[in-house]
C-alpha cells in the first residue's frame, strides 16, 4: 500500500508528456461537420500511447474501485483520460500514464 502511495505522489511531481503543436492542430479541424469531428476523435484514439486497459488499471488503483468509466479527451497540450467512478474522478495522461491534477490541466501550456 505504501508503494502505491509513493507511486501516486511521485507521479504528481513528474513532468507529464505533452502533445506537440502539430498533434494538437490535428484534433481541431477548421470545418466543423459532424463527420470531420468524428475523424478528430479517431485521430485522438490513434495518438494515445497508454491503452485503455492500462488506463483502467491505473484508475482502479488510484480510485480503489472496479467500476471505472473512461473518456478520452484533450485540453491545450494534454491528451488524457477522465476516469470516473461513483466516488472518484482521476485524470490520466494518455501519453505517459501519469496522474494529472486539475491545476495542471488549467495551466496547460502557460
PDB file of N, CA and C in Angstrom:
ATOM      1  N   UNK A   1       0.821  -1.183   0.000  1.00  0.00           N
ATOM      2  CA  UNK A   1       0.000   0.000   0.000  1.00  0.00           C
ATOM      3  C   UNK A   1       0.870   1.253   0.000  1.00  0.00           C
ATOM      4  N   UNK A   2       1.957   1.229   0.795  1.00  0.00           N
ATOM      5  CA  UNK A   2       2.788   2.422   0.836  1.00  0.00           C
ATOM      6  C   UNK A   2       3.522   2.625  -0.489  1.00  0.00           C
ATOM      7  N   UNK A   3       3.776   1.549  -1.238  1.00  0.00           N
ATOM      8  CA  UNK A   3       4.396   1.704  -2.556  1.00  0.00           C
ATOM      9  C   UNK A   3       3.436   2.375  -3.522  1.00  0.00           C
ATOM     10  N   UNK A   4       2.152   2.048  -3.417  1.00  0.00           N
ATOM     11  CA  UNK A   4       1.147   2.666  -4.267  1.00  0.00           C
ATOM     12  C   UNK A   4       1.028   4.156  -3.966  1.00  0.00           C
ATOM     13  N   UNK A   5       1.054   4.499  -2.683  1.00  0.00           N
ATOM     14  CA  UNK A   5       1.001   5.911  -2.288  1.00  0.00           C
ATOM     15  C   UNK A   5       2.236   6.654  -2.769  1.00  0.00           C
ATOM     16  N   UNK A   6       3.384   6.015  -2.657  1.00  0.00           N
ATOM     17  CA  UNK A   6       4.625   6.639  -3.106  1.00  0.00           C
ATOM     18  C   UNK A   6       4.601   6.855  -4.610  1.00  0.00           C
ATOM     19  N   UNK A   7       4.093   5.871  -5.350  1.00  0.00           N
ATOM     20  CA  UNK A   7       3.979   5.996  -6.797  1.00  0.00           C
ATOM     21  C   UNK A   7       3.042   7.131  -7.169  1.00  0.00           C
ATOM     22  N   UNK A   8       1.926   7.262  -6.465  1.00  0.00           N
ATOM     23  CA  UNK A   8       0.969   8.334  -6.745  1.00  0.00           C
ATOM     24  C   UNK A   8       1.593   9.702  -6.470  1.00  0.00           C
ATOM     25  N   UNK A   9       2.331   9.821  -5.379  1.00  0.00           N
ATOM     26  CA  UNK A   9       2.969  11.095  -5.043  1.00  0.00           C
ATOM     27  C   UNK A   9       4.049  11.452  -6.063  1.00  0.00           C
ATOM     28  N   UNK A  10       4.860  10.477  -6.451  1.00  0.00           N
ATOM     29  CA  UNK A  10       5.923  10.750  -7.413  1.00  0.00           C
ATOM     30  C   UNK A  10       5.373  11.075  -8.800  1.00  0.00           C
ATOM     31  N   UNK A  11       4.257  10.460  -9.162  1.00  0.00           N
ATOM     32  CA  UNK A  11       3.702  10.727 -10.486  1.00  0.00           C
ATOM     33  C   UNK A  11       3.133  12.132 -10.578  1.00  0.00           C
ATOM     34  N   UNK A  12       2.737  12.713  -9.454  1.00  0.00           N
ATOM     35  CA  UNK A  12       2.224  14.081  -9.463  1.00  0.00           C
ATOM     36  C   UNK A  12       3.347  15.069  -9.762  1.00  0.00           C
ATOM     37  N   UNK A  13       4.538  14.805  -9.236  1.00  0.00           N
ATOM     38  CA  UNK A  13       5.643  15.732  -9.405  1.00  0.00           C
ATOM     39  C   UNK A  13       6.444  15.495 -10.682  1.00  0.00           C
ATOM     40  N   UNK A  14       6.254  14.381 -11.342  1.00  0.00           N
ATOM     41  CA  UNK A  14       6.964  14.097 -12.583  1.00  0.00           C
ATOM     42  C   UNK A  14       6.356  14.912 -13.718  1.00  0.00           C
ATOM     43  N   UNK A  15       7.177  15.458 -14.596  1.00  0.00           N
ATOM     44  CA  UNK A  15       6.612  16.223 -15.711  1.00  0.00           C
ATOM     45  C   UNK A  15       5.876  15.287 -16.665  1.00  0.00           C
ATOM     46  N   UNK A  16       4.700  15.688 -17.054  1.00  0.00           N
ATOM     47  CA  UNK A  16       3.874  14.863 -17.932  1.00  0.00           C
ATOM     48  C   UNK A  16       4.258  15.111 -19.386  1.00  0.00           C
ATOM     49  N   UNK A  17       4.199  14.059 -20.166  1.00  0.00           N
ATOM     50  CA  UNK A  17       4.473  14.182 -21.592  1.00  0.00           C
ATOM     51  C   UNK A  17       3.284  14.875 -22.250  1.00  0.00           C
ATOM     52  N   UNK A  18       3.563  15.793 -23.159  1.00  0.00           N
ATOM     53  CA  UNK A  18       2.509  16.582 -23.782  1.00  0.00           C
ATOM     54  C   UNK A  18       2.486  16.331 -25.284  1.00  0.00           C
ATOM     55  N   UNK A  19       1.430  16.831 -25.907  1.00  0.00           N
ATOM     56  CA  UNK A  19       1.316  16.720 -27.357  1.00  0.00           C
ATOM     57  C   UNK A  19       2.134  17.832 -28.011  1.00  0.00           C
ATOM     58  N   UNK A  20       2.605  17.569 -29.206  1.00  0.00           N
ATOM     59  CA  UNK A  20       3.282  18.612 -29.959  1.00  0.00           C
ATOM     60  C   UNK A  20       2.226  19.535 -30.563  1.00  0.00           C
ATOM     61  N   UNK A  21       2.595  20.748 -30.969  1.00  0.00           N
ATOM     62  CA  UNK A  21       1.616  21.648 -31.589  1.00  0.00           C
ATOM     63  C   UNK A  21       0.979  21.055 -32.852  1.00  0.00           C
ATOM     64  N   UNK A  22       1.740  20.285 -33.613  1.00  0.00           N
ATOM     65  CA  UNK A  22       1.180  19.664 -34.815  1.00  0.00           C
ATOM     66  C   UNK A  22       0.119  18.634 -34.447  1.00  0.00           C
ATOM     67  N   UNK A  23       0.372  17.849 -33.413  1.00  0.00           N
ATOM     68  CA  UNK A  23      -0.611  16.869 -32.973  1.00  0.00           C
ATOM     69  C   UNK A  23      -1.874  17.561 -32.469  1.00  0.00           C
ATOM     70  N   UNK A  24      -1.695  18.663 -31.763  1.00  0.00           N
ATOM     71  CA  UNK A  24      -2.849  19.389 -31.239  1.00  0.00           C
ATOM     72  C   UNK A  24      -3.684  19.976 -32.376  1.00  0.00           C
ATOM     73  N   UNK A  25      -3.042  20.483 -33.399  1.00  0.00           N
ATOM     74  CA  UNK A  25      -3.782  21.044 -34.526  1.00  0.00           C
ATOM     75  C   UNK A  25      -4.554  19.977 -35.292  1.00  0.00           C
ATOM     76  N   UNK A  26      -4.084  18.742 -35.283  1.00  0.00           N
ATOM     77  CA  UNK A  26      -4.801  17.663 -35.960  1.00  0.00           C
ATOM     78  C   UNK A  26      -6.143  17.373 -35.295  1.00  0.00           C
ATOM     79  N   UNK A  27      -6.291  17.737 -34.038  1.00  0.00           N
ATOM     80  CA  UNK A  27      -7.530  17.474 -33.319  1.00  0.00           C
ATOM     81  C   UNK A  27      -8.579  18.569 -33.522  1.00  0.00           C
ATOM     82  N   UNK A  28      -8.205  19.654 -34.199  1.00  0.00           N
ATOM     83  CA  UNK A  28      -9.120  20.769 -34.411  1.00  0.00           C
ATOM     84  C   UNK A  28      -9.282  21.060 -35.895  1.00  0.00           C
ATOM     85  N   UNK A  29     -10.198  20.378 -36.569  1.00  0.00           N
ATOM     86  CA  UNK A  29     -10.413  20.699 -37.976  1.00  0.00           C
ATOM     87  C   UNK A  29     -11.130  22.050 -38.102  1.00  0.00           C
ATOM     88  N   UNK A  30     -10.855  22.761 -39.198  1.00  0.00           N
ATOM     89  CA  UNK A  30     -11.500  24.057 -39.409  1.00  0.00           C
ATOM     90  C   UNK A  30     -12.966  23.871 -39.775  1.00  0.00           C
ATOM     91  N   UNK A  31     -13.263  22.832 -40.524  1.00  0.00           N
ATOM     92  CA  UNK A  31     -14.632  22.538 -40.900  1.00  0.00           C
ATOM     93  C   UNK A  31     -15.264  21.727 -39.771  1.00  0.00           C
ATOM     94  N   UNK A  32     -16.393  22.158 -39.259  1.00  0.00           N
ATOM     95  CA  UNK A  32     -16.998  21.526 -38.091  1.00  0.00           C
ATOM     96  C   UNK A  32     -18.136  20.566 -38.432  1.00  0.00           C
ATOM     97  N   UNK A  33     -18.107  19.984 -39.616  1.00  0.00           N
ATOM     98  CA  UNK A  33     -19.110  18.969 -39.949  1.00  0.00           C
ATOM     99  C   UNK A  33     -18.987  17.807 -38.965  1.00  0.00           C
ATOM    100  N   UNK A  34     -20.091  17.175 -38.611  1.00  0.00           N
ATOM    101  CA  UNK A  34     -20.025  16.063 -37.644  1.00  0.00           C
ATOM    102  C   UNK A  34     -19.102  14.931 -38.074  1.00  0.00           C
ATOM    103  N   UNK A  35     -19.050  14.645 -39.365  1.00  0.00           N
ATOM    104  CA  UNK A  35     -18.178  13.556 -39.815  1.00  0.00           C
ATOM    105  C   UNK A  35     -16.706  13.900 -39.590  1.00  0.00           C
ATOM    106  N   UNK A  36     -16.344  15.177 -39.739  1.00  0.00           N
ATOM    107  CA  UNK A  36     -14.955  15.574 -39.503  1.00  0.00           C
ATOM    108  C   UNK A  36     -14.629  15.588 -38.017  1.00  0.00           C
ATOM    109  N   UNK A  37     -15.605  15.903 -37.173  1.00  0.00           N
ATOM    110  CA  UNK A  37     -15.372  15.835 -35.725  1.00  0.00           C
ATOM    111  C   UNK A  37     -15.145  14.392 -35.300  1.00  0.00           C
ATOM    112  N   UNK A  38     -15.849  13.460 -35.930  1.00  0.00           N
ATOM    113  CA  UNK A  38     -15.613  12.045 -35.633  1.00  0.00           C
ATOM    114  C   UNK A  38     -14.210  11.639 -36.047  1.00  0.00           C
ATOM    115  N   UNK A  39     -13.726  12.177 -37.158  1.00  0.00           N
ATOM    116  CA  UNK A  39     -12.349  11.896 -37.593  1.00  0.00           C
ATOM    117  C   UNK A  39     -11.343  12.410 -36.573  1.00  0.00           C
ATOM    118  N   UNK A  40     -11.608  13.572 -35.980  1.00  0.00           N
ATOM    119  CA  UNK A  40     -10.710  14.115 -34.956  1.00  0.00           C
ATOM    120  C   UNK A  40     -10.684  13.203 -33.737  1.00  0.00           C
ATOM    121  N   UNK A  41     -11.839  12.651 -33.368  1.00  0.00           N
ATOM    122  CA  UNK A  41     -11.878  11.701 -32.249  1.00  0.00           C
ATOM    123  C   UNK A  41     -11.079  10.446 -32.576  1.00  0.00           C
ATOM    124  N   UNK A  42     -11.188   9.980 -33.802  1.00  0.00           N
ATOM    125  CA  UNK A  42     -10.424   8.794 -34.217  1.00  0.00           C
ATOM    126  C   UNK A  42      -8.923   9.084 -34.191  1.00  0.00           C
ATOM    127  N   UNK A  43      -8.530  10.303 -34.606  1.00  0.00           N
ATOM    128  CA  UNK A  43      -7.110  10.674 -34.560  1.00  0.00           C
ATOM    129  C   UNK A  43      -6.604  10.686 -33.123  1.00  0.00           C
ATOM    130  N   UNK A  44      -7.422  11.174 -32.214  1.00  0.00           N
ATOM    131  CA  UNK A  44      -7.024  11.193 -30.795  1.00  0.00           C
ATOM    132  C   UNK A  44      -6.821   9.771 -30.294  1.00  0.00           C
ATOM    133  N   UNK A  45      -7.672   8.846 -30.705  1.00  0.00           N
ATOM    134  CA  UNK A  45      -7.517   7.460 -30.278  1.00  0.00           C
ATOM    135  C   UNK A  45      -6.284   6.812 -30.904  1.00  0.00           C
ATOM    136  N   UNK A  46      -5.878   7.287 -32.067  1.00  0.00           N
ATOM    137  CA  UNK A  46      -4.651   6.755 -32.668  1.00  0.00           C
ATOM    138  C   UNK A  46      -3.407   7.355 -32.027  1.00  0.00           C
ATOM    139  N   UNK A  47      -3.515   8.563 -31.469  1.00  0.00           N
ATOM    140  CA  UNK A  47      -2.360   9.258 -30.897  1.00  0.00           C
ATOM    141  C   UNK A  47      -1.958   8.752 -29.522  1.00  0.00           C
ATOM    142  N   UNK A  48      -2.905   8.289 -28.726  1.00  0.00           N
ATOM    143  CA  UNK A  48      -2.570   7.946 -27.342  1.00  0.00           C
ATOM    144  C   UNK A  48      -1.608   6.760 -27.297  1.00  0.00           C
ATOM    145  N   UNK A  49      -0.747   6.775 -26.312  1.00  0.00           N
ATOM    146  CA  UNK A  49       0.256   5.728 -26.129  1.00  0.00           C
ATOM    147  C   UNK A  49      -0.218   4.724 -25.080  1.00  0.00           C
ATOM    148  N   UNK A  50      -0.828   5.210 -24.023  1.00  0.00           N
ATOM    149  CA  UNK A  50      -1.365   4.354 -22.974  1.00  0.00           C
ATOM    150  C   UNK A  50      -2.711   3.806 -23.450  1.00  0.00           C
ATOM    151  N   UNK A  51      -2.819   2.497 -23.491  1.00  0.00           N
ATOM    152  CA  UNK A  51      -4.059   1.861 -23.939  1.00  0.00           C
ATOM    153  C   UNK A  51      -5.134   1.990 -22.853  1.00  0.00           C
ATOM    154  N   UNK A  52      -6.377   1.786 -23.251  1.00  0.00           N
ATOM    155  CA  UNK A  52      -7.489   1.928 -22.319  1.00  0.00           C
ATOM    156  C   UNK A  52      -7.407   0.926 -21.169  1.00  0.00           C
ATOM    157  N   UNK A  53      -6.929  -0.278 -21.438  1.00  0.00           N
ATOM    158  CA  UNK A  53      -6.803  -1.277 -20.364  1.00  0.00           C
ATOM    159  C   UNK A  53      -5.799  -0.811 -19.312  1.00  0.00           C
ATOM    160  N   UNK A  54      -4.682  -0.243 -19.774  1.00  0.00           N
ATOM    161  CA  UNK A  54      -3.675   0.256 -18.836  1.00  0.00           C
ATOM    162  C   UNK A  54      -4.228   1.424 -18.026  1.00  0.00           C
ATOM    163  N   UNK A  55      -4.932   2.324 -18.697  1.00  0.00           N
ATOM    164  CA  UNK A  55      -5.512   3.473 -18.003  1.00  0.00           C
ATOM    165  C   UNK A  55      -6.560   3.021 -16.989  1.00  0.00           C
ATOM    166  N   UNK A  56      -7.297   1.991 -17.335  1.00  0.00           N
ATOM    167  CA  UNK A  56      -8.313   1.477 -16.421  1.00  0.00           C
ATOM    168  C   UNK A  56      -7.665   0.889 -15.170  1.00  0.00           C
ATOM    169  N   UNK A  57      -6.552   0.158 -15.320  1.00  0.00           N
ATOM    170  CA  UNK A  57      -5.875  -0.399 -14.142  1.00  0.00           C
ATOM    171  C   UNK A  57      -5.283   0.708 -13.273  1.00  0.00           C
ATOM    172  N   UNK A  58      -4.750   1.760 -13.905  1.00  0.00           N
ATOM    173  CA  UNK A  58      -4.233   2.900 -13.142  1.00  0.00           C
ATOM    174  C   UNK A  58      -5.365   3.556 -12.363  1.00  0.00           C
ATOM    175  N   UNK A  59      -6.500   3.751 -13.020  1.00  0.00           N
ATOM    176  CA  UNK A  59      -7.650   4.388 -12.360  1.00  0.00           C
ATOM    177  C   UNK A  59      -8.181   3.523 -11.223  1.00  0.00           C
ATOM    178  N   UNK A  60      -8.183   2.212 -11.402  1.00  0.00           N
ATOM    179  CA  UNK A  60      -8.643   1.324 -10.336  1.00  0.00           C
ATOM    180  C   UNK A  60      -7.735   1.412  -9.121  1.00  0.00           C
ATOM    181  N   UNK A  61      -6.437   1.567  -9.346  1.00  0.00           N
ATOM    182  CA  UNK A  61      -5.502   1.695  -8.226  1.00  0.00           C
ATOM    183  C   UNK A  61      -5.659   3.039  -7.521  1.00  0.00           C
ATOM    184  N   UNK A  62      -5.857   4.096  -8.299  1.00  0.00           N
ATOM    185  CA  UNK A  62      -5.969   5.434  -7.704  1.00  0.00           C
ATOM    186  C   UNK A  62      -7.294   5.599  -6.966  1.00  0.00           C
ATOM    187  N   UNK A  63      -8.383   5.147  -7.582  1.00  0.00           N
ATOM    188  CA  UNK A  63      -9.720   5.371  -7.009  1.00  0.00           C
ATOM    189  C   UNK A  63     -10.198   4.236  -6.110  1.00  0.00           C
ATOM    190  N   UNK A  64      -9.489   3.122  -6.074  1.00  0.00           N
ATOM    191  CA  UNK A  64      -9.860   1.970  -5.257  1.00  0.00           C
ATOM    192  C   UNK A  64     -11.274   1.485  -5.584  1.00  0.00           C
ATOM    193  N   UNK A  65     -11.566   1.389  -6.876  1.00  0.00           N
ATOM    194  CA  UNK A  65     -12.883   0.941  -7.321  1.00  0.00           C
ATOM    195  C   UNK A  65     -12.732   0.191  -8.637  1.00  0.00           C
ATOM    196  N   UNK A  66     -13.604  -0.795  -8.851  1.00  0.00           N
ATOM    197  CA  UNK A  66     -13.560  -1.562 -10.098  1.00  0.00           C
ATOM    198  C   UNK A  66     -14.508  -1.012 -11.155  1.00  0.00           C
ATOM    199  N   UNK A  67     -15.412  -0.147 -10.772  1.00  0.00           N
ATOM    200  CA  UNK A  67     -16.403   0.402 -11.687  1.00  0.00           C
ATOM    201  C   UNK A  67     -15.877   1.711 -12.269  1.00  0.00           C
ATOM    202  N   UNK A  68     -15.064   1.618 -13.345  1.00  0.00           N
ATOM    203  CA  UNK A  68     -14.406   2.783 -13.927  1.00  0.00           C
ATOM    204  C   UNK A  68     -14.930   3.024 -15.335  1.00  0.00           C
ATOM    205  N   UNK A  69     -15.280   4.274 -15.615  1.00  0.00           N
ATOM    206  CA  UNK A  69     -15.678   4.678 -16.963  1.00  0.00           C
ATOM    207  C   UNK A  69     -14.610   5.641 -17.479  1.00  0.00           C
ATOM    208  N   UNK A  70     -14.079   5.387 -18.679  1.00  0.00           N
ATOM    209  CA  UNK A  70     -13.020   6.214 -19.252  1.00  0.00           C
ATOM    210  C   UNK A  70     -13.546   7.056 -20.403  1.00  0.00           C
ATOM    211  N   UNK A  71     -13.069   8.297 -20.462  1.00  0.00           N
ATOM    212  CA  UNK A  71     -13.380   9.193 -21.563  1.00  0.00           C
ATOM    213  C   UNK A  71     -12.053   9.794 -22.031  1.00  0.00           C
ATOM    214  N   UNK A  72     -11.732   9.648 -23.311  1.00  0.00           N
ATOM    215  CA  UNK A  72     -10.504  10.235 -23.862  1.00  0.00           C
ATOM    216  C   UNK A  72     -10.825  11.635 -24.360  1.00  0.00           C
ATOM    217  N   UNK A  73     -10.076  12.611 -23.887  1.00  0.00           N
ATOM    218  CA  UNK A  73     -10.290  13.996 -24.290  1.00  0.00           C
ATOM    219  C   UNK A  73      -8.958  14.732 -24.271  1.00  0.00           C
ATOM    220  N   UNK A  74      -8.988  16.007 -24.614  1.00  0.00           N
ATOM    221  CA  UNK A  74      -7.760  16.802 -24.553  1.00  0.00           C
ATOM    222  C   UNK A  74      -8.089  18.217 -24.109  1.00  0.00           C
ATOM    223  N   UNK A  75      -7.083  18.861 -23.554  1.00  0.00           N
ATOM    224  CA  UNK A  75      -7.177  20.262 -23.176  1.00  0.00           C
ATOM    225  C   UNK A  75      -5.789  20.857 -23.367  1.00  0.00           C
ATOM    226  N   UNK A  76      -5.703  21.893 -24.156  1.00  0.00           N
ATOM    227  CA  UNK A  76      -4.427  22.521 -24.512  1.00  0.00           C
ATOM    228  C   UNK A  76      -3.435  21.473 -25.013  1.00  0.00           C
ATOM    229  N   UNK A  77      -2.378  21.222 -24.256  1.00  0.00           N
ATOM    230  CA  UNK A  77      -1.320  20.327 -24.725  1.00  0.00           C
ATOM    231  C   UNK A  77      -1.429  18.927 -24.153  1.00  0.00           C
ATOM    232  N   UNK A  78      -2.453  18.664 -23.350  1.00  0.00           N
ATOM    233  CA  UNK A  78      -2.597  17.358 -22.722  1.00  0.00           C
ATOM    234  C   UNK A  78      -3.675  16.531 -23.413  1.00  0.00           C
ATOM    235  N   UNK A  79      -3.329  15.300 -23.732  1.00  0.00           N
ATOM    236  CA  UNK A  79      -4.279  14.289 -24.176  1.00  0.00           C
ATOM    237  C   UNK A  79      -4.423  13.347 -22.996  1.00  0.00           C
ATOM    238  N   UNK A  80      -5.634  13.221 -22.451  1.00  0.00           N
ATOM    239  CA  UNK A  80      -5.787  12.485 -21.202  1.00  0.00           C
ATOM    240  C   UNK A  80      -7.121  11.753 -21.146  1.00  0.00           C
ATOM    241  N   UNK A  81      -7.157  10.777 -20.251  1.00  0.00           N
ATOM    242  CA  UNK A  81      -8.379  10.048 -19.948  1.00  0.00           C
ATOM    243  C   UNK A  81      -8.991  10.666 -18.694  1.00  0.00           C
ATOM    244  N   UNK A  82     -10.301  10.818 -18.709  1.00  0.00           N
ATOM    245  CA  UNK A  82     -11.022  11.147 -17.486  1.00  0.00           C
ATOM    246  C   UNK A  82     -11.588   9.829 -16.986  1.00  0.00           C
ATOM    247  N   UNK A  83     -11.137   9.397 -15.842  1.00  0.00           N
ATOM    248  CA  UNK A  83     -11.603   8.151 -15.243  1.00  0.00           C
ATOM    249  C   UNK A  83     -12.604   8.505 -14.153  1.00  0.00           C
ATOM    250  N   UNK A  84     -13.841   8.069 -14.338  1.00  0.00           N
ATOM    251  CA  UNK A  84     -14.912   8.416 -13.412  1.00  0.00           C
ATOM    252  C   UNK A  84     -15.415   7.151 -12.726  1.00  0.00           C
ATOM    253  N   UNK A  85     -15.473   7.209 -11.407  1.00  0.00           N
ATOM    254  CA  UNK A  85     -16.089   6.155 -10.605  1.00  0.00           C
ATOM    255  C   UNK A  85     -17.172   6.833  -9.764  1.00  0.00           C
ATOM    256  N   UNK A  86     -17.991   6.065  -9.060  1.00  0.00           N
ATOM    257  CA  UNK A  86     -19.017   6.702  -8.225  1.00  0.00           C
ATOM    258  C   UNK A  86     -18.457   7.621  -7.136  1.00  0.00           C
ATOM    259  N   UNK A  87     -17.231   7.379  -6.698  1.00  0.00           N
ATOM    260  CA  UNK A  87     -16.680   8.170  -5.590  1.00  0.00           C
ATOM    261  C   UNK A  87     -15.461   9.000  -5.959  1.00  0.00           C
ATOM    262  N   UNK A  88     -14.944   8.870  -7.186  1.00  0.00           N
ATOM    263  CA  UNK A  88     -13.652   9.475  -7.506  1.00  0.00           C
ATOM    264  C   UNK A  88     -13.591   9.861  -8.982  1.00  0.00           C
ATOM    265  N   UNK A  89     -12.825  10.893  -9.272  1.00  0.00           N
ATOM    266  CA  UNK A  89     -12.510  11.278 -10.644  1.00  0.00           C
ATOM    267  C   UNK A  89     -11.000  11.454 -10.744  1.00  0.00           C
ATOM    268  N   UNK A  90     -10.394  10.790 -11.732  1.00  0.00           N
ATOM    269  CA  UNK A  90      -8.944  10.881 -11.923  1.00  0.00           C
ATOM    270  C   UNK A  90      -8.663  11.277 -13.362  1.00  0.00           C
ATOM    271  N   UNK A  91      -7.598  12.031 -13.547  1.00  0.00           N
ATOM    272  CA  UNK A  91      -7.163  12.462 -14.872  1.00  0.00           C
ATOM    273  C   UNK A  91      -5.842  11.762 -15.167  1.00  0.00           C
ATOM    274  N   UNK A  92      -5.821  10.920 -16.212  1.00  0.00           N
ATOM    275  CA  UNK A  92      -4.650  10.105 -16.532  1.00  0.00           C
ATOM    276  C   UNK A  92      -4.117  10.541 -17.882  1.00  0.00           C
ATOM    277  N   UNK A  93      -2.847  10.918 -17.915  1.00  0.00           N
ATOM    278  CA  UNK A  93      -2.214  11.342 -19.157  1.00  0.00           C
ATOM    279  C   UNK A  93      -2.174  10.156 -20.119  1.00  0.00           C
ATOM    280  N   UNK A  94      -2.698  10.341 -21.326  1.00  0.00           N
ATOM    281  CA  UNK A  94      -2.762   9.260 -22.309  1.00  0.00           C
ATOM    282  C   UNK A  94      -1.435   9.065 -23.034  1.00  0.00           C
ATOM    283  N   UNK A  95      -0.480   9.947 -22.806  1.00  0.00           N
ATOM    284  CA  UNK A  95       0.814   9.827 -23.463  1.00  0.00           C
ATOM    285  C   UNK A  95       1.814   9.049 -22.611  1.00  0.00           C
ATOM    286  N   UNK A  96       1.769   9.215 -21.280  1.00  0.00           N
ATOM    287  CA  UNK A  96       2.754   8.524 -20.445  1.00  0.00           C
ATOM    288  C   UNK A  96       2.171   7.844 -19.211  1.00  0.00           C
ATOM    289  N   UNK A  97       0.878   7.969 -18.960  1.00  0.00           N
ATOM    290  CA  UNK A  97       0.259   7.271 -17.843  1.00  0.00           C
ATOM    291  C   UNK A  97       0.368   7.964 -16.504  1.00  0.00           C
ATOM    292  N   UNK A  98       0.853   9.182 -16.467  1.00  0.00           N
ATOM    293  CA  UNK A  98       0.965   9.877 -15.187  1.00  0.00           C
ATOM    294  C   UNK A  98      -0.395  10.447 -14.790  1.00  0.00           C
ATOM    295  N   UNK A  99      -0.540  10.715 -13.509  1.00  0.00           N
ATOM    296  CA  UNK A  99      -1.773  11.285 -12.983  1.00  0.00           C
ATOM    297  C   UNK A  99      -1.657  12.806 -13.084  1.00  0.00           C
ATOM    298  N   UNK A 100      -2.673  13.429 -13.666  1.00  0.00           N
ATOM    299  CA  UNK A 100      -2.701  14.879 -13.796  1.00  0.00           C
ATOM    300  C   UNK A 100      -3.646  15.461 -12.760  1.00  0.00           C
ATOM    301  N   UNK A 101      -3.300  16.631 -12.274  1.00  0.00           N
ATOM    302  CA  UNK A 101      -4.192  17.339 -11.348  1.00  0.00           C
ATOM    303  C   UNK A 101      -5.013  18.348 -12.131  1.00  0.00           C
ATOM    304  N   UNK A 102      -6.150  18.750 -11.609  1.00  0.00           N
ATOM    305  CA  UNK A 102      -6.931  19.783 -12.297  1.00  0.00           C
ATOM    306  C   UNK A 102      -6.160  21.091 -12.481  1.00  0.00           C
ATOM    307  N   UNK A 103      -5.253  21.394 -11.555  1.00  0.00           N
ATOM    308  CA  UNK A 103      -4.443  22.608 -11.681  1.00  0.00           C
ATOM    309  C   UNK A 103      -3.512  22.530 -12.877  1.00  0.00           C
ATOM    310  N   UNK A 104      -2.924  21.342 -13.104  1.00  0.00           N
ATOM    311  CA  UNK A 104      -2.063  21.168 -14.278  1.00  0.00           C
ATOM    312  C   UNK A 104      -2.848  21.342 -15.574  1.00  0.00           C
ATOM    313  N   UNK A 105      -4.057  20.829 -15.595  1.00  0.00           N
ATOM    314  CA  UNK A 105      -4.880  20.952 -16.788  1.00  0.00           C
ATOM    315  C   UNK A 105      -5.287  22.386 -17.049  1.00  0.00           C
ATOM    316  N   UNK A 106      -5.553  23.150 -15.979  1.00  0.00           N
ATOM    317  CA  UNK A 106      -5.922  24.546 -16.144  1.00  0.00           C
ATOM    318  C   UNK A 106      -4.752  25.384 -16.634  1.00  0.00           C
ATOM    319  N   UNK A 107      -3.545  25.088 -16.120  1.00  0.00           N
ATOM    320  CA  UNK A 107      -2.365  25.841 -16.547  1.00  0.00           C
ATOM    321  C   UNK A 107      -2.053  25.588 -18.003  1.00  0.00           C
ATOM    322  N   UNK A 108      -2.096  24.318 -18.413  1.00  0.00           N
ATOM    323  CA  UNK A 108      -1.834  23.946 -19.799  1.00  0.00           C
ATOM    324  C   UNK A 108      -0.433  24.334 -20.228  1.00  0.00           C
ATOM    325  N   UNK A 109      -0.325  25.096 -21.289  1.00  0.00           N
ATOM    326  CA  UNK A 109       0.970  25.454 -21.875  1.00  0.00           C
ATOM    327  C   UNK A 109       1.585  26.669 -21.222  1.00  0.00           C
ATOM    328  N   UNK A 110       0.916  27.263 -20.253  1.00  0.00           N
ATOM    329  CA  UNK A 110       1.421  28.500 -19.635  1.00  0.00           C
ATOM    330  C   UNK A 110       2.648  28.267 -18.808  1.00  0.00           C
TER     331      UNK A 110
END
